[in-house]
Amino acid sequence: MKLKVMTPLRTIVDENISSVILPAKNGEMNVLAGHDLAVAVLKSGRLGYKKEEETSYNHVQIGEGCAEIAHEHVMVFTLKAEKIENHTGG
């Protein structure tokens, strides 16, 4: 499934993924490939996505926006978004 996270100025994420967790207004929304068609209103928060063949989630901090969900893609439209770096170690 393809995930795109876009602001008016640029595309922040353009990846093939296995799942995405959206910060929807009514609570978190977990989307997998084959999901029914939907539109979601998003609140500011952390979007998490898992790339194909990976076990951990990557994160993007987003502002309010909306998401178009289809069988094989999720498109997120927001005014601001910033990738959150994954840190490991101790």
Protein backbone atom coordinates (compact mmCIF):
# COMPACT_ATOMS: atom_id res chain seq x y z
CA MET A 1 0.00 0.00 0.00
CA LYS A 2 1.27 3.51 -0.78
CA LEU A 3 1.37 6.30 1.83
CA LYS A 4 1.77 9.96 0.90
CA VAL A 5 1.91 12.74 3.49
CA MET A 6 1.72 16.13 1.80
CA THR A 7 1.76 19.79 2.79
CA PRO A 8 1.03 22.63 0.36
CA LEU A 9 4.80 23.04 -0.13
CA ARG A 10 6.15 19.49 -0.35
CA THR A 11 5.70 15.77 0.04
CA ILE A 12 7.00 14.61 3.43
CA VAL A 13 6.45 10.84 3.00
CA ASP A 14 6.09 8.79 -0.20
CA GLU A 15 6.58 5.15 0.85
CA ASN A 16 5.28 1.64 0.31
CA ILE A 17 3.94 0.56 3.70
CA SER A 18 2.18 -2.33 5.40
CA SER A 19 0.14 -0.24 7.87
CA VAL A 20 -0.48 3.30 9.10
CA ILE A 21 -1.98 4.69 12.32
CA LEU A 22 -3.74 8.02 11.79
CA PRO A 23 -4.58 10.54 14.55
CA ALA A 24 -8.25 10.89 13.56
CA LYS A 25 -10.58 13.33 15.34
CA ASN A 26 -12.55 10.39 16.80
CA GLY A 27 -9.49 8.41 17.92
CA GLU A 28 -6.61 6.53 16.35
CA MET A 29 -7.38 4.78 13.07
CA ASN A 30 -5.30 1.77 12.02
CA VAL A 31 -5.33 1.25 8.24
CA LEU A 32 -4.15 -1.88 6.42
CA ALA A 33 -4.08 -2.69 2.70
CA GLY A 34 -7.52 -3.47 1.33
CA HIS A 35 -9.29 -0.99 3.62
CA ASP A 36 -12.70 0.22 2.44
CA LEU A 37 -12.85 3.67 0.86
CA ALA A 38 -13.01 6.40 3.51
CA VAL A 39 -12.17 10.00 4.32
CA ALA A 40 -10.91 10.86 7.80
CA VAL A 41 -10.64 14.22 9.53
CA LEU A 42 -7.29 14.36 11.33
CA LYS A 43 -6.27 16.18 14.47
CA SER A 44 -2.76 17.38 15.25
CA GLY A 45 -0.69 14.47 16.48
CA ARG A 46 1.65 11.65 15.66
CA LEU A 47 1.10 9.54 12.55
CA GLY A 48 2.84 6.16 12.63
CA TYR A 49 3.62 3.96 9.63
CA LYS A 50 5.40 0.68 9.11
CA LYS A 51 7.36 0.26 5.88
CA GLU A 52 7.02 -3.03 4.04
CA GLU A 53 9.39 -5.67 5.44
CA GLU A 54 10.06 -3.62 8.63
CA THR A 55 8.95 -4.35 12.18
CA SER A 56 9.14 -0.90 13.79
CA TYR A 57 7.09 2.22 13.12
CA ASN A 58 8.31 5.50 11.67
CA HIS A 59 6.58 8.67 12.85
CA VAL A 60 5.52 12.03 11.48
CA GLN A 61 4.16 14.88 13.59
CA ILE A 62 1.25 16.41 11.65
CA GLY A 63 -1.10 19.33 12.01
CA GLU A 64 -4.83 19.14 11.43
CA GLY A 65 -5.85 17.85 8.03
CA CYS A 66 -7.62 15.04 6.25
CA ALA A 67 -6.85 11.62 4.81
CA GLU A 68 -8.18 9.85 1.74
CA ILE A 69 -8.14 6.10 2.27
CA ALA A 70 -8.52 3.59 -0.56
CA HIS A 71 -7.77 -0.10 -1.07
CA GLU A 72 -4.10 0.43 -1.95
CA HIS A 73 -3.25 3.98 -0.82
CA VAL A 74 -3.56 6.53 1.96
CA MET A 75 -3.09 10.20 1.11
CA VAL A 76 -2.71 12.64 4.01
CA PHE A 77 -3.18 16.37 3.41
CA THR A 78 -2.03 18.74 6.18
CA LEU A 79 -0.71 22.27 6.49
CA LYS A 80 2.38 21.15 8.40
CA ALA A 81 4.26 17.92 8.94
CA GLU A 82 7.69 16.93 10.20
CA LYS A 83 9.36 13.53 10.34
CA ILE A 84 10.34 12.38 13.82
CA GLU A 85 13.72 10.69 13.89
CA ASN A 86 13.77 7.18 15.37
CA HIS A 87 16.42 6.87 18.09
CA THR A 88 17.77 3.63 19.45
CA GLY A 89 20.33 2.86 22.06
CA GLY A 90 20.71 3.46 25.76
